[in-house]
PDB file of N, CA and C in Angstrom:
ATOM      1  N   MET A   1     -24.171  -0.338 -61.498  1.00  0.00           N
ATOM      2  CA  MET A   1     -25.402   0.367 -61.280  1.00  0.00           C
ATOM      3  C   MET A   1     -25.878   0.111 -59.855  1.00  0.00           C
ATOM      4  N   PHE A   2     -26.330   1.139 -59.196  1.00  0.00           N
ATOM      5  CA  PHE A   2     -26.804   1.050 -57.816  1.00  0.00           C
ATOM      6  C   PHE A   2     -28.315   0.831 -57.807  1.00  0.00           C
ATOM      7  N   ILE A   3     -28.744  -0.209 -57.102  1.00  0.00           N
ATOM      8  CA  ILE A   3     -30.180  -0.490 -56.983  1.00  0.00           C
ATOM      9  C   ILE A   3     -30.579  -0.293 -55.534  1.00  0.00           C
ATOM     10  N   GLN A   4     -31.521   0.571 -55.333  1.00  0.00           N
ATOM     11  CA  GLN A   4     -31.991   0.838 -53.973  1.00  0.00           C
ATOM     12  C   GLN A   4     -33.116  -0.128 -53.629  1.00  0.00           C
ATOM     13  N   ARG A   5     -33.003  -0.778 -52.484  1.00  0.00           N
ATOM     14  CA  ARG A   5     -34.041  -1.697 -52.033  1.00  0.00           C
ATOM     15  C   ARG A   5     -35.197  -0.919 -51.430  1.00  0.00           C
ATOM     16  N   PRO A   6     -36.388  -1.425 -51.600  1.00  0.00           N
ATOM     17  CA  PRO A   6     -37.544  -0.764 -50.980  1.00  0.00           C
ATOM     18  C   PRO A   6     -37.432  -0.769 -49.459  1.00  0.00           C
ATOM     19  N   ARG A   7     -37.938   0.264 -48.810  1.00  0.00           N
ATOM     20  CA  ARG A   7     -37.884   0.364 -47.354  1.00  0.00           C
ATOM     21  C   ARG A   7     -38.663  -0.751 -46.678  1.00  0.00           C
ATOM     22  N   LYS A   8     -39.646  -1.302 -47.364  1.00  0.00           N
ATOM     23  CA  LYS A   8     -40.461  -2.362 -46.782  1.00  0.00           C
ATOM     24  C   LYS A   8     -39.597  -3.534 -46.328  1.00  0.00           C
ATOM     25  N   GLN A   9     -38.580  -3.900 -47.116  1.00  0.00           N
ATOM     26  CA  GLN A   9     -37.722  -5.017 -46.752  1.00  0.00           C
ATOM     27  C   GLN A   9     -36.991  -4.752 -45.444  1.00  0.00           C
ATOM     28  N   LYS A  10     -36.562  -3.526 -45.244  1.00  0.00           N
ATOM     29  CA  LYS A  10     -35.863  -3.198 -44.010  1.00  0.00           C
ATOM     30  C   LYS A  10     -36.796  -3.359 -42.816  1.00  0.00           C
ATOM     31  N   SER A  11     -38.033  -2.892 -42.947  1.00  0.00           N
ATOM     32  CA  SER A  11     -38.966  -3.018 -41.835  1.00  0.00           C
ATOM     33  C   SER A  11     -39.344  -4.473 -41.598  1.00  0.00           C
ATOM     34  N   GLU A  12     -39.410  -5.283 -42.667  1.00  0.00           N
ATOM     35  CA  GLU A  12     -39.678  -6.712 -42.498  1.00  0.00           C
ATOM     36  C   GLU A  12     -38.527  -7.380 -41.753  1.00  0.00           C
ATOM     37  N   ARG A  13     -37.309  -6.992 -42.079  1.00  0.00           N
ATOM     38  CA  ARG A  13     -36.135  -7.554 -41.398  1.00  0.00           C
ATOM     39  C   ARG A  13     -36.138  -7.159 -39.925  1.00  0.00           C
ATOM     40  N   TYR A  14     -36.493  -5.900 -39.651  1.00  0.00           N
ATOM     41  CA  TYR A  14     -36.573  -5.436 -38.271  1.00  0.00           C
ATOM     42  C   TYR A  14     -37.647  -6.212 -37.519  1.00  0.00           C
ATOM     43  N   GLN A  15     -38.791  -6.410 -38.160  1.00  0.00           N
ATOM     44  CA  GLN A  15     -39.880  -7.160 -37.529  1.00  0.00           C
ATOM     45  C   GLN A  15     -39.434  -8.592 -37.249  1.00  0.00           C
ATOM     46  N   HIS A  16     -38.751  -9.215 -38.196  1.00  0.00           N
ATOM     47  CA  HIS A  16     -38.236 -10.577 -38.037  1.00  0.00           C
ATOM     48  C   HIS A  16     -37.325 -10.658 -36.817  1.00  0.00           C
ATOM     49  N   ASP A  17     -36.356  -9.759 -36.741  1.00  0.00           N
ATOM     50  CA  ASP A  17     -35.420  -9.752 -35.617  1.00  0.00           C
ATOM     51  C   ASP A  17     -36.123  -9.466 -34.298  1.00  0.00           C
ATOM     52  N   ASP A  18     -37.085  -8.561 -34.321  1.00  0.00           N
ATOM     53  CA  ASP A  18     -37.832  -8.205 -33.118  1.00  0.00           C
ATOM     54  C   ASP A  18     -38.631  -9.393 -32.592  1.00  0.00           C
ATOM     55  N   VAL A  19     -39.272 -10.128 -33.487  1.00  0.00           N
ATOM     56  CA  VAL A  19     -40.052 -11.305 -33.080  1.00  0.00           C
ATOM     57  C   VAL A  19     -39.131 -12.360 -32.473  1.00  0.00           C
ATOM     58  N   LEU A  20     -38.029 -12.665 -33.130  1.00  0.00           N
ATOM     59  CA  LEU A  20     -37.117 -13.690 -32.610  1.00  0.00           C
ATOM     60  C   LEU A  20     -36.484 -13.260 -31.289  1.00  0.00           C
ATOM     61  N   ARG A  21     -36.214 -11.981 -31.133  1.00  0.00           N
ATOM     62  CA  ARG A  21     -35.680 -11.467 -29.866  1.00  0.00           C
ATOM     63  C   ARG A  21     -36.711 -11.655 -28.743  1.00  0.00           C
ATOM     64  N   THR A  22     -37.973 -11.368 -29.035  1.00  0.00           N
ATOM     65  CA  THR A  22     -39.043 -11.545 -28.052  1.00  0.00           C
ATOM     66  C   THR A  22     -39.197 -13.013 -27.673  1.00  0.00           C
ATOM     67  N   VAL A  23     -39.138 -13.897 -28.660  1.00  0.00           N
ATOM     68  CA  VAL A  23     -39.253 -15.335 -28.406  1.00  0.00           C
ATOM     69  C   VAL A  23     -38.110 -15.801 -27.509  1.00  0.00           C
ATOM     70  N   ARG A  24     -36.883 -15.418 -27.847  1.00  0.00           N
ATOM     71  CA  ARG A  24     -35.714 -15.837 -27.051  1.00  0.00           C
ATOM     72  C   ARG A  24     -35.796 -15.314 -25.613  1.00  0.00           C
ATOM     73  N   ARG A  25     -36.271 -14.090 -25.449  1.00  0.00           N
ATOM     74  CA  ARG A  25     -36.403 -13.525 -24.108  1.00  0.00           C
ATOM     75  C   ARG A  25     -37.407 -14.332 -23.281  1.00  0.00           C
ATOM     76  N   ARG A  26     -38.524 -14.678 -23.891  1.00  0.00           N
ATOM     77  CA  ARG A  26     -39.531 -15.477 -23.171  1.00  0.00           C
ATOM     78  C   ARG A  26     -38.985 -16.848 -22.800  1.00  0.00           C
ATOM     79  N   ILE A  27     -38.271 -17.464 -23.726  1.00  0.00           N
ATOM     80  CA  ILE A  27     -37.688 -18.779 -23.447  1.00  0.00           C
ATOM     81  C   ILE A  27     -36.656 -18.669 -22.335  1.00  0.00           C
ATOM     82  N   ASP A  28     -35.817 -17.645 -22.371  1.00  0.00           N
ATOM     83  CA  ASP A  28     -34.793 -17.462 -21.338  1.00  0.00           C
ATOM     84  C   ASP A  28     -35.396 -17.242 -19.958  1.00  0.00           C
ATOM     85  N   GLN A  29     -36.561 -16.621 -19.892  1.00  0.00           N
ATOM     86  CA  GLN A  29     -37.199 -16.330 -18.607  1.00  0.00           C
ATOM     87  C   GLN A  29     -38.089 -17.471 -18.110  1.00  0.00           C
ATOM     88  N   CYS A  30     -38.269 -18.483 -18.917  1.00  0.00           N
ATOM     89  CA  CYS A  30     -39.143 -19.609 -18.573  1.00  0.00           C
ATOM     90  C   CYS A  30     -38.385 -20.646 -17.748  1.00  0.00           C
ATOM     91  N   ARG A  31     -39.095 -21.295 -16.855  1.00  0.00           N
ATOM     92  CA  ARG A  31     -38.441 -22.314 -16.018  1.00  0.00           C
ATOM     93  C   ARG A  31     -37.958 -23.515 -16.821  1.00  0.00           C
ATOM     94  N   TYR A  32     -38.500 -23.732 -18.019  1.00  0.00           N
ATOM     95  CA  TYR A  32     -38.069 -24.832 -18.883  1.00  0.00           C
ATOM     96  C   TYR A  32     -37.150 -24.344 -20.002  1.00  0.00           C
ATOM     97  N   GLY A  33     -36.615 -23.166 -19.853  1.00  0.00           N
ATOM     98  CA  GLY A  33     -35.777 -22.571 -20.883  1.00  0.00           C
ATOM     99  C   GLY A  33     -34.609 -23.440 -21.299  1.00  0.00           C
ATOM    100  N   PHE A  34     -34.023 -24.164 -20.360  1.00  0.00           N
ATOM    101  CA  PHE A  34     -32.877 -25.017 -20.681  1.00  0.00           C
ATOM    102  C   PHE A  34     -33.263 -26.119 -21.669  1.00  0.00           C
ATOM    103  N   ILE A  35     -34.518 -26.511 -21.699  1.00  0.00           N
ATOM    104  CA  ILE A  35     -35.004 -27.497 -22.669  1.00  0.00           C
ATOM    105  C   ILE A  35     -35.421 -26.800 -23.961  1.00  0.00           C
ATOM    106  N   PHE A  36     -36.134 -25.685 -23.837  1.00  0.00           N
ATOM    107  CA  PHE A  36     -36.674 -24.987 -24.999  1.00  0.00           C
ATOM    108  C   PHE A  36     -35.594 -24.334 -25.850  1.00  0.00           C
ATOM    109  N   ARG A  37     -34.415 -24.071 -25.299  1.00  0.00           N
ATOM    110  CA  ARG A  37     -33.329 -23.459 -26.082  1.00  0.00           C
ATOM    111  C   ARG A  37     -32.842 -24.382 -27.196  1.00  0.00           C
ATOM    112  N   LYS A  38     -33.158 -25.667 -27.089  1.00  0.00           N
ATOM    113  CA  LYS A  38     -32.748 -26.636 -28.113  1.00  0.00           C
ATOM    114  C   LYS A  38     -33.710 -26.665 -29.301  1.00  0.00           C
ATOM    115  N   VAL A  39     -34.832 -25.969 -29.187  1.00  0.00           N
ATOM    116  CA  VAL A  39     -35.826 -25.923 -30.257  1.00  0.00           C
ATOM    117  C   VAL A  39     -35.424 -24.849 -31.270  1.00  0.00           C
ATOM    118  N   SER A  40     -35.515 -25.176 -32.550  1.00  0.00           N
ATOM    119  CA  SER A  40     -35.205 -24.216 -33.613  1.00  0.00           C
ATOM    120  C   SER A  40     -36.431 -23.368 -33.915  1.00  0.00           C
ATOM    121  N   LEU A  41     -36.183 -22.116 -34.236  1.00  0.00           N
ATOM    122  CA  LEU A  41     -37.248 -21.158 -34.517  1.00  0.00           C
ATOM    123  C   LEU A  41     -37.068 -20.590 -35.909  1.00  0.00           C
ATOM    124  N   ARG A  42     -38.188 -20.386 -36.592  1.00  0.00           N
ATOM    125  CA  ARG A  42     -38.149 -19.698 -37.879  1.00  0.00           C
ATOM    126  C   ARG A  42     -39.365 -18.790 -37.960  1.00  0.00           C
ATOM    127  N   TYR A  43     -39.147 -17.548 -38.329  1.00  0.00           N
ATOM    128  CA  TYR A  43     -40.246 -16.593 -38.472  1.00  0.00           C
ATOM    129  C   TYR A  43     -40.264 -16.082 -39.897  1.00  0.00           C
ATOM    130  N   ASP A  44     -41.438 -16.148 -40.519  1.00  0.00           N
ATOM    131  CA  ASP A  44     -41.565 -15.673 -41.890  1.00  0.00           C
ATOM    132  C   ASP A  44     -42.990 -15.199 -42.133  1.00  0.00           C
ATOM    133  N   SER A  45     -43.136 -13.941 -42.452  1.00  0.00           N
ATOM    134  CA  SER A  45     -44.427 -13.350 -42.835  1.00  0.00           C
ATOM    135  C   SER A  45     -45.557 -13.657 -41.859  1.00  0.00           C
ATOM    136  N   GLY A  46     -45.306 -13.487 -40.583  1.00  0.00           N
ATOM    137  CA  GLY A  46     -46.349 -13.668 -39.584  1.00  0.00           C
ATOM    138  C   GLY A  46     -46.487 -15.076 -39.047  1.00  0.00           C
ATOM    139  N   THR A  47     -45.684 -16.022 -39.555  1.00  0.00           N
ATOM    140  CA  THR A  47     -45.749 -17.407 -39.100  1.00  0.00           C
ATOM    141  C   THR A  47     -44.480 -17.760 -38.337  1.00  0.00           C
ATOM    142  N   LEU A  48     -44.646 -18.217 -37.103  1.00  0.00           N
ATOM    143  CA  LEU A  48     -43.534 -18.693 -36.286  1.00  0.00           C
ATOM    144  C   LEU A  48     -43.571 -20.214 -36.305  1.00  0.00           C
ATOM    145  N   THR A  49     -42.486 -20.831 -36.771  1.00  0.00           N
ATOM    146  CA  THR A  49     -42.406 -22.283 -36.873  1.00  0.00           C
ATOM    147  C   THR A  49     -41.396 -22.801 -35.858  1.00  0.00           C
ATOM    148  N   LEU A  50     -41.820 -23.774 -35.071  1.00  0.00           N
ATOM    149  CA  LEU A  50     -40.979 -24.403 -34.060  1.00  0.00           C
ATOM    150  C   LEU A  50     -40.638 -25.815 -34.516  1.00  0.00           C
ATOM    151  N   THR A  51     -39.359 -26.186 -34.464  1.00  0.00           N
ATOM    152  CA  THR A  51     -38.936 -27.549 -34.784  1.00  0.00           C
ATOM    153  C   THR A  51     -37.904 -27.986 -33.763  1.00  0.00           C
ATOM    154  N   GLY A  52     -37.834 -29.275 -33.538  1.00  0.00           N
ATOM    155  CA  GLY A  52     -36.888 -29.827 -32.580  1.00  0.00           C
ATOM    156  C   GLY A  52     -37.537 -30.932 -31.780  1.00  0.00           C
ATOM    157  N   ARG A  53     -36.999 -31.172 -30.597  1.00  0.00           N
ATOM    158  CA  ARG A  53     -37.491 -32.264 -29.753  1.00  0.00           C
ATOM    159  C   ARG A  53     -37.570 -31.829 -28.302  1.00  0.00           C
ATOM    160  N   VAL A  54     -38.596 -32.316 -27.630  1.00  0.00           N
ATOM    161  CA  VAL A  54     -38.747 -32.139 -26.187  1.00  0.00           C
ATOM    162  C   VAL A  54     -39.121 -33.498 -25.595  1.00  0.00           C
ATOM    163  N   PRO A  55     -38.895 -33.706 -24.288  1.00  0.00           N
ATOM    164  CA  PRO A  55     -39.124 -35.022 -23.695  1.00  0.00           C
ATOM    165  C   PRO A  55     -40.562 -35.341 -23.296  1.00  0.00           C
ATOM    166  N   SER A  56     -41.513 -34.414 -23.426  1.00  0.00           N
ATOM    167  CA  SER A  56     -42.893 -34.739 -23.033  1.00  0.00           C
ATOM    168  C   SER A  56     -43.898 -33.877 -23.791  1.00  0.00           C
ATOM    169  N   PHE A  57     -45.117 -34.401 -23.891  1.00  0.00           N
ATOM    170  CA  PHE A  57     -46.193 -33.638 -24.527  1.00  0.00           C
ATOM    171  C   PHE A  57     -46.522 -32.397 -23.703  1.00  0.00           C
ATOM    172  N   TYR A  58     -46.377 -32.505 -22.400  1.00  0.00           N
ATOM    173  CA  TYR A  58     -46.610 -31.354 -21.522  1.00  0.00           C
ATOM    174  C   TYR A  58     -45.694 -30.192 -21.908  1.00  0.00           C
ATOM    175  N   LEU A  59     -44.414 -30.482 -22.131  1.00  0.00           N
ATOM    176  CA  LEU A  59     -43.462 -29.430 -22.491  1.00  0.00           C
ATOM    177  C   LEU A  59     -43.742 -28.870 -23.884  1.00  0.00           C
ATOM    178  N   LYS A  60     -44.167 -29.714 -24.794  1.00  0.00           N
ATOM    179  CA  LYS A  60     -44.531 -29.233 -26.132  1.00  0.00           C
ATOM    180  C   LYS A  60     -45.678 -28.231 -26.033  1.00  0.00           C
ATOM    181  N   GLN A  61     -46.692 -28.574 -25.257  1.00  0.00           N
ATOM    182  CA  GLN A  61     -47.834 -27.682 -25.081  1.00  0.00           C
ATOM    183  C   GLN A  61     -47.429 -26.417 -24.320  1.00  0.00           C
ATOM    184  N   ASN A  62     -46.572 -26.577 -23.318  1.00  0.00           N
ATOM    185  CA  ASN A  62     -46.110 -25.439 -22.529  1.00  0.00           C
ATOM    186  C   ASN A  62     -45.367 -24.436 -23.413  1.00  0.00           C
ATOM    187  N   LEU A  63     -44.537 -24.933 -24.306  1.00  0.00           N
ATOM    188  CA  LEU A  63     -43.805 -24.072 -25.235  1.00  0.00           C
ATOM    189  C   LEU A  63     -44.773 -23.319 -26.145  1.00  0.00           C
ATOM    190  N   GLN A  64     -45.760 -24.009 -26.644  1.00  0.00           N
ATOM    191  CA  GLN A  64     -46.744 -23.376 -27.524  1.00  0.00           C
ATOM    192  C   GLN A  64     -47.501 -22.276 -26.793  1.00  0.00           C
ATOM    193  N   GLU A  65     -47.919 -22.536 -25.577  1.00  0.00           N
ATOM    194  CA  GLU A  65     -48.647 -21.533 -24.800  1.00  0.00           C
ATOM    195  C   GLU A  65     -47.762 -20.332 -24.458  1.00  0.00           C
ATOM    196  N   LEU A  66     -46.490 -20.589 -24.219  1.00  0.00           N
ATOM    197  CA  LEU A  66     -45.548 -19.524 -23.902  1.00  0.00           C
ATOM    198  C   LEU A  66     -45.421 -18.520 -25.054  1.00  0.00           C
ATOM    199  N   LEU A  67     -45.544 -19.015 -26.279  1.00  0.00           N
ATOM    200  CA  LEU A  67     -45.268 -18.184 -27.452  1.00  0.00           C
ATOM    201  C   LEU A  67     -46.507 -17.801 -28.255  1.00  0.00           C
ATOM    202  N   ARG A  68     -47.675 -18.182 -27.820  1.00  0.00           N
ATOM    203  CA  ARG A  68     -48.872 -18.012 -28.654  1.00  0.00           C
ATOM    204  C   ARG A  68     -49.346 -16.576 -28.812  1.00  0.00           C
ATOM    205  N   ASP A  69     -48.996 -15.680 -27.914  1.00  0.00           N
ATOM    206  CA  ASP A  69     -49.522 -14.313 -27.992  1.00  0.00           C
ATOM    207  C   ASP A  69     -48.448 -13.264 -28.290  1.00  0.00           C
ATOM    208  N   ILE A  70     -47.453 -13.645 -29.051  1.00  0.00           N
ATOM    209  CA  ILE A  70     -46.390 -12.708 -29.410  1.00  0.00           C
ATOM    210  C   ILE A  70     -46.899 -11.768 -30.506  1.00  0.00           C
ATOM    211  N   PRO A  71     -46.701 -10.465 -30.325  1.00  0.00           N
ATOM    212  CA  PRO A  71     -47.129  -9.519 -31.361  1.00  0.00           C
ATOM    213  C   PRO A  71     -46.476  -9.845 -32.711  1.00  0.00           C
ATOM    214  N   GLN A  72     -47.178  -9.624 -33.768  1.00  0.00           N
ATOM    215  CA  GLN A  72     -46.750  -9.862 -35.150  1.00  0.00           C
ATOM    216  C   GLN A  72     -46.743 -11.337 -35.548  1.00  0.00           C
ATOM    217  N   VAL A  73     -47.061 -12.252 -34.622  1.00  0.00           N
ATOM    218  CA  VAL A  73     -47.178 -13.668 -34.971  1.00  0.00           C
ATOM    219  C   VAL A  73     -48.656 -13.976 -35.131  1.00  0.00           C
ATOM    220  N   HIS A  74     -49.034 -14.305 -36.364  1.00  0.00           N
ATOM    221  CA  HIS A  74     -50.437 -14.583 -36.663  1.00  0.00           C
ATOM    222  C   HIS A  74     -50.718 -16.080 -36.694  1.00  0.00           C
ATOM    223  N   GLN A  75     -49.663 -16.879 -36.872  1.00  0.00           N
ATOM    224  CA  GLN A  75     -49.812 -18.325 -36.904  1.00  0.00           C
ATOM    225  C   GLN A  75     -48.593 -18.948 -36.239  1.00  0.00           C
ATOM    226  N   LEU A  76     -48.848 -19.972 -35.423  1.00  0.00           N
ATOM    227  CA  LEU A  76     -47.773 -20.693 -34.745  1.00  0.00           C
ATOM    228  C   LEU A  76     -47.824 -22.145 -35.194  1.00  0.00           C
ATOM    229  N   GLU A  77     -46.777 -22.599 -35.867  1.00  0.00           N
ATOM    230  CA  GLU A  77     -46.684 -23.990 -36.304  1.00  0.00           C
ATOM    231  C   GLU A  77     -45.772 -24.727 -35.337  1.00  0.00           C
ATOM    232  N   ASN A  78     -46.358 -25.615 -34.558  1.00  0.00           N
ATOM    233  CA  ASN A  78     -45.600 -26.361 -33.566  1.00  0.00           C
ATOM    234  C   ASN A  78     -45.246 -27.727 -34.148  1.00  0.00           C
ATOM    235  N   ASN A  79     -44.081 -27.810 -34.777  1.00  0.00           N
ATOM    236  CA  ASN A  79     -43.594 -29.058 -35.371  1.00  0.00           C
ATOM    237  C   ASN A  79     -42.588 -29.748 -34.458  1.00  0.00           C
ATOM    238  N   VAL A  80     -42.665 -29.475 -33.181  1.00  0.00           N
ATOM    239  CA  VAL A  80     -41.756 -30.071 -32.202  1.00  0.00           C
ATOM    240  C   VAL A  80     -42.168 -31.525 -31.978  1.00  0.00           C
ATOM    241  N   ASP A  81     -41.185 -32.423 -32.011  1.00  0.00           N
ATOM    242  CA  ASP A  81     -41.428 -33.840 -31.748  1.00  0.00           C
ATOM    243  C   ASP A  81     -41.233 -34.129 -30.270  1.00  0.00           C
ATOM    244  N   VAL A  82     -41.995 -35.097 -29.784  1.00  0.00           N
ATOM    245  CA  VAL A  82     -41.857 -35.545 -28.403  1.00  0.00           C
ATOM    246  C   VAL A  82     -41.078 -36.851 -28.423  1.00  0.00           C
ATOM    247  N   VAL A  83     -39.918 -36.850 -27.795  1.00  0.00           N
ATOM    248  CA  VAL A  83     -39.073 -38.035 -27.727  1.00  0.00           C
ATOM    249  C   VAL A  83     -38.685 -38.235 -26.275  1.00  0.00           C
ATOM    250  N   SER A  84     -39.246 -39.265 -25.681  1.00  0.00           N
ATOM    251  CA  SER A  84     -39.033 -39.521 -24.262  1.00  0.00           C
ATOM    252  C   SER A  84     -37.965 -40.590 -24.063  1.00  0.00           C
ATOM    253  N   SER A  85     -37.251 -40.493 -22.971  1.00  0.00           N
ATOM    254  CA  SER A  85     -36.223 -41.481 -22.657  1.00  0.00           C
ATOM    255  C   SER A  85     -36.824 -42.841 -22.313  1.00  0.00           C
ATOM    256  N   CYS A  86     -38.119 -42.890 -21.995  1.00  0.00           N
ATOM    257  CA  CYS A  86     -38.753 -44.167 -21.638  1.00  0.00           C
ATOM    258  C   CYS A  86     -39.343 -44.867 -22.862  1.00  0.00           C
ATOM    259  N   GLY A  87     -39.100 -44.337 -24.058  1.00  0.00           N
ATOM    260  CA  GLY A  87     -39.519 -45.024 -25.268  1.00  0.00           C
ATOM    261  C   GLY A  87     -40.760 -44.472 -25.932  1.00  0.00           C
ATOM    262  N   LEU A  88     -41.538 -43.636 -25.265  1.00  0.00           N
ATOM    263  CA  LEU A  88     -42.706 -43.039 -25.894  1.00  0.00           C
ATOM    264  C   LEU A  88     -42.241 -41.927 -26.819  1.00  0.00           C
ATOM    265  N   SER A  89     -42.815 -41.887 -28.014  1.00  0.00           N
ATOM    266  CA  SER A  89     -42.346 -40.899 -28.975  1.00  0.00           C
ATOM    267  C   SER A  89     -43.413 -40.572 -30.006  1.00  0.00           C
ATOM    268  N   SER A  90     -43.402 -39.346 -30.493  1.00  0.00           N
ATOM    269  CA  SER A  90     -44.267 -38.953 -31.604  1.00  0.00           C
ATOM    270  C   SER A  90     -43.525 -39.075 -32.929  1.00  0.00           C
ATOM    271  N   VAL A  91     -42.283 -39.547 -32.881  1.00  0.00           N
ATOM    272  CA  VAL A  91     -41.442 -39.667 -34.063  1.00  0.00           C
ATOM    273  C   VAL A  91     -41.369 -41.136 -34.463  1.00  0.00           C
ATOM    274  N   PRO A  92     -41.599 -41.469 -35.757  1.00  0.00           N
ATOM    275  CA  PRO A  92     -41.454 -42.856 -36.200  1.00  0.00           C
ATOM    276  C   PRO A  92     -40.050 -43.381 -35.898  1.00  0.00           C
ATOM    277  N   GLN A  93     -39.942 -44.661 -35.602  1.00  0.00           N
ATOM    278  CA  GLN A  93     -38.668 -45.274 -35.206  1.00  0.00           C
ATOM    279  C   GLN A  93     -37.561 -45.050 -36.236  1.00  0.00           C
ATOM    280  N   GLU A  94     -37.887 -45.129 -37.533  1.00  0.00           N
ATOM    281  CA  GLU A  94     -36.843 -44.947 -38.550  1.00  0.00           C
ATOM    282  C   GLU A  94     -36.267 -43.534 -38.529  1.00  0.00           C
ATOM    283  N   ASP A  95     -37.069 -42.534 -38.148  1.00  0.00           N
ATOM    284  CA  ASP A  95     -36.557 -41.166 -38.025  1.00  0.00           C
ATOM    285  C   ASP A  95     -35.609 -41.041 -36.840  1.00  0.00           C
ATOM    286  N   LEU A  96     -35.886 -41.770 -35.768  1.00  0.00           N
ATOM    287  CA  LEU A  96     -35.013 -41.730 -34.590  1.00  0.00           C
ATOM    288  C   LEU A  96     -33.657 -42.349 -34.904  1.00  0.00           C
ATOM    289  N   ARG A  97     -33.632 -43.401 -35.709  1.00  0.00           N
ATOM    290  CA  ARG A  97     -32.373 -44.068 -36.040  1.00  0.00           C
ATOM    291  C   ARG A  97     -31.471 -43.184 -36.896  1.00  0.00           C
ATOM    292  N   ARG A  98     -32.076 -42.318 -37.722  1.00  0.00           N
ATOM    293  CA  ARG A  98     -31.296 -41.440 -38.600  1.00  0.00           C
ATOM    294  C   ARG A  98     -30.616 -40.311 -37.852  1.00  0.00           C
ATOM    295  N   SER A  99     -31.134 -39.937 -36.679  1.00  0.00           N
ATOM    296  CA  SER A  99     -30.548 -38.778 -35.991  1.00  0.00           C
ATOM    297  C   SER A  99     -29.570 -39.160 -34.926  1.00  0.00           C
TER     298      SER A  99
END
């Protein structure tokens, strides 16, 4: 039996791909793109979630500001951890040992 999917799903998929394409383009054009490319992105129903690690709080904030006004993104969850080579970190020590 053939089941036809609603058109809404196709437009949601297009919106998902469009948002991630816009995010990647902004990251590629940014002077810190080589650092931000290591951050994982997830987009779902208007929420863009960022996860990964950057070496400073400045870069974490810079990434958030870079992506805060993307069309179709209503909420930005910045779950990026700050892990510095000099020992300062927003990640508990036991989490650092596991990775």
